[in-house]
N, C-alpha and C. Protein backbone atom coordinates (compact mmCIF):
# COMPACT_ATOMS: atom_id res chain seq x y z
N MET A 1 93.69 128.86 100.86
CA MET A 1 94.43 127.43 100.69
C MET A 1 93.60 126.14 100.08
N GLY A 2 94.29 125.19 99.98
CA GLY A 2 93.73 124.11 99.46
C GLY A 2 93.41 124.14 98.33
N GLN A 3 94.30 124.95 96.91
CA GLN A 3 93.84 124.65 96.15
C GLN A 3 94.92 124.25 94.75
N ALA A 4 96.22 124.33 95.74
CA ALA A 4 97.56 123.43 94.99
C ALA A 4 97.65 122.27 94.61
N ASP A 5 98.29 122.24 93.41
CA ASP A 5 98.10 120.74 92.56
C ASP A 5 99.46 120.47 92.38
N SER A 6 99.99 118.59 92.39
CA SER A 6 101.14 118.43 92.49
C SER A 6 100.64 117.03 92.21
N MET A 7 101.05 116.25 90.81
CA MET A 7 100.98 115.21 91.17
C MET A 7 102.49 114.31 90.59
N PHE A 8 102.79 113.25 91.09
CA PHE A 8 103.79 112.62 90.46
C PHE A 8 103.54 111.03 90.23
N ILE A 9 104.17 110.79 89.14
CA ILE A 9 103.69 109.88 88.23
C ILE A 9 105.19 108.66 88.27
N ASP A 10 105.21 107.27 89.11
CA ASP A 10 105.93 106.64 88.70
C ASP A 10 106.27 105.50 87.61
N TYR A 11 106.88 106.07 86.38
CA TYR A 11 106.32 105.09 85.18
C TYR A 11 107.88 104.27 84.78
N GLY A 12 108.27 103.32 85.61
CA GLY A 12 109.19 102.81 85.61
C GLY A 12 110.48 103.57 85.58
N ASP A 13 111.58 103.18 84.58
CA ASP A 13 112.74 104.23 84.89
C ASP A 13 112.25 105.83 84.72
N THR A 14 110.97 106.02 84.07
CA THR A 14 110.65 107.22 84.18
C THR A 14 110.05 107.92 85.08
N ASP A 15 110.33 108.86 85.69
CA ASP A 15 109.67 109.84 86.88
C ASP A 15 109.17 110.77 86.35
N ILE A 16 107.69 111.07 86.26
CA ILE A 16 107.14 112.37 85.77
C ILE A 16 106.16 113.72 87.12
N LEU A 17 106.81 115.11 87.56
CA LEU A 17 105.63 115.60 88.09
C LEU A 17 105.07 116.33 87.26
N VAL A 18 103.63 116.48 87.69
CA VAL A 18 102.92 117.58 86.52
C VAL A 18 102.85 118.39 88.04
N ASP A 19 103.19 120.12 87.60
CA ASP A 19 102.68 120.92 88.39
C ASP A 19 103.60 120.68 90.08
N ALA A 20 103.66 121.52 91.09
CA ALA A 20 104.55 121.79 92.10
C ALA A 20 103.99 122.20 92.77
N GLY A 21 102.46 122.43 92.83
CA GLY A 21 101.76 123.31 94.13
C GLY A 21 102.12 124.57 94.25
N ASN A 22 102.20 125.10 94.94
CA ASN A 22 102.42 126.61 95.57
C ASN A 22 103.98 126.84 96.18
N ASN A 23 104.70 128.25 96.06
CA ASN A 23 105.68 128.02 95.92
C ASN A 23 106.30 127.80 97.84
N ALA A 24 105.37 127.99 98.45
CA ALA A 24 105.50 127.24 99.82
C ALA A 24 105.36 125.96 99.93
N ASP A 25 105.17 124.93 99.03
CA ASP A 25 104.95 123.97 98.66
C ASP A 25 106.19 123.05 98.50
N GLY A 26 107.02 123.71 97.88
CA GLY A 26 108.31 123.01 97.39
C GLY A 26 109.47 122.04 98.57
N PRO A 27 109.34 122.66 99.91
CA PRO A 27 109.93 121.34 100.21
C PRO A 27 108.96 120.35 100.64
N LEU A 28 107.87 120.37 101.08
CA LEU A 28 106.92 119.36 100.80
C LEU A 28 106.98 118.08 99.18
N VAL A 29 107.42 118.91 98.52
CA VAL A 29 107.14 118.28 97.14
C VAL A 29 108.26 117.25 97.24
N VAL A 30 109.66 118.27 97.61
CA VAL A 30 111.14 117.50 97.28
C VAL A 30 111.11 116.39 98.37
N ASN A 31 110.43 116.23 100.05
CA ASN A 31 110.66 115.87 100.38
C ASN A 31 109.94 114.41 99.94
N TYR A 32 108.66 114.78 99.87
CA TYR A 32 107.81 113.70 99.34
C TYR A 32 109.05 112.77 98.05
N LEU A 33 109.33 113.30 97.50
CA LEU A 33 110.13 112.72 96.09
C LEU A 33 111.08 111.89 97.10
N LYS A 34 111.92 112.66 97.87
CA LYS A 34 113.16 112.20 98.74
C LYS A 34 112.39 111.00 99.13
N LYS A 35 110.94 110.76 99.95
CA LYS A 35 111.02 109.36 100.82
C LYS A 35 110.85 108.73 99.62
N LEU A 36 110.20 108.62 98.51
CA LEU A 36 110.00 107.42 97.19
C LEU A 36 111.47 107.44 96.97
N LYS A 37 112.83 107.77 97.33
CA LYS A 37 113.67 107.72 96.66
C LYS A 37 113.92 107.91 95.09
N THR A 38 113.09 108.66 94.55
CA THR A 38 113.21 109.30 93.80
C THR A 38 114.69 109.85 93.04
N ASP A 39 115.51 109.33 92.23
CA ASP A 39 116.52 110.38 91.88
C ASP A 39 116.82 111.57 90.97
N ASP A 40 115.79 111.58 90.15
CA ASP A 40 115.52 112.73 89.04
C ASP A 40 114.16 112.59 88.37
N VAL A 41 114.06 113.45 88.06
CA VAL A 41 112.49 113.74 87.46
C VAL A 41 112.82 113.93 85.93
N GLU A 42 112.28 113.09 85.03
CA GLU A 42 112.77 113.33 83.57
C GLU A 42 111.90 114.15 83.08
N ILE A 43 110.53 114.25 83.45
CA ILE A 43 109.14 114.89 82.85
C ILE A 43 109.00 115.84 83.99
N LEU A 44 108.85 116.91 83.55
CA LEU A 44 107.98 118.02 84.31
C LEU A 44 107.18 118.78 83.31
N ILE A 45 105.98 118.98 84.34
CA ILE A 45 104.47 119.29 83.07
C ILE A 45 104.43 120.56 84.09
N GLY A 46 104.56 121.87 83.64
CA GLY A 46 103.32 122.54 84.16
C GLY A 46 102.01 123.02 83.76
N SER A 47 100.93 122.44 84.06
CA SER A 47 99.74 122.40 83.10
C SER A 47 98.92 123.88 82.94
N HIS A 48 99.85 124.93 83.97
CA HIS A 48 99.10 126.20 83.82
C HIS A 48 100.10 127.01 84.31
N HIS A 49 99.71 128.35 84.37
CA HIS A 49 101.03 129.44 84.66
C HIS A 49 100.48 130.02 86.09
N HIS A 50 99.18 129.36 86.37
CA HIS A 50 98.76 129.78 88.18
C HIS A 50 99.69 129.48 88.86
N GLU A 51 100.06 130.37 90.07
CA GLU A 51 101.67 129.93 91.05
C GLU A 51 100.55 128.90 92.08
N ASP A 52 99.46 128.31 91.92
CA ASP A 52 98.96 127.24 92.82
C ASP A 52 99.71 125.83 92.21
N HIS A 53 100.31 126.16 90.94
CA HIS A 53 100.46 125.11 90.15
C HIS A 53 101.96 124.60 89.84
N ILE A 54 102.52 126.02 89.84
CA ILE A 54 103.91 125.96 89.22
C ILE A 54 104.63 127.19 90.24
N GLY A 55 104.25 127.04 91.35
CA GLY A 55 105.12 128.11 92.33
C GLY A 55 106.54 127.81 92.48
N PRO A 56 107.02 126.92 92.63
CA PRO A 56 108.25 126.48 93.01
C PRO A 56 109.10 125.93 91.96
N ILE A 57 108.55 126.25 90.45
CA ILE A 57 109.01 125.94 89.65
C ILE A 57 109.81 127.25 88.90
N PRO A 58 110.98 127.21 89.07
CA PRO A 58 111.64 128.45 88.24
C PRO A 58 111.58 128.55 86.63
N ALA A 59 111.17 129.79 86.34
CA ALA A 59 110.73 130.42 84.93
C ALA A 59 111.67 130.15 83.98
């Protein structure tokens, strides 16, 4: 535990999500983005293929 990563960058009209944590973190990430009133993510970056970074991102 404690190894999953995800970073959200609000760059004006461009929302960027770098990684998305573990599979189990999907709802946490979505709820965080909703709390910030993020309507969509323009750029999604998966830094590498380990589950603790891209778990909930569909293949």
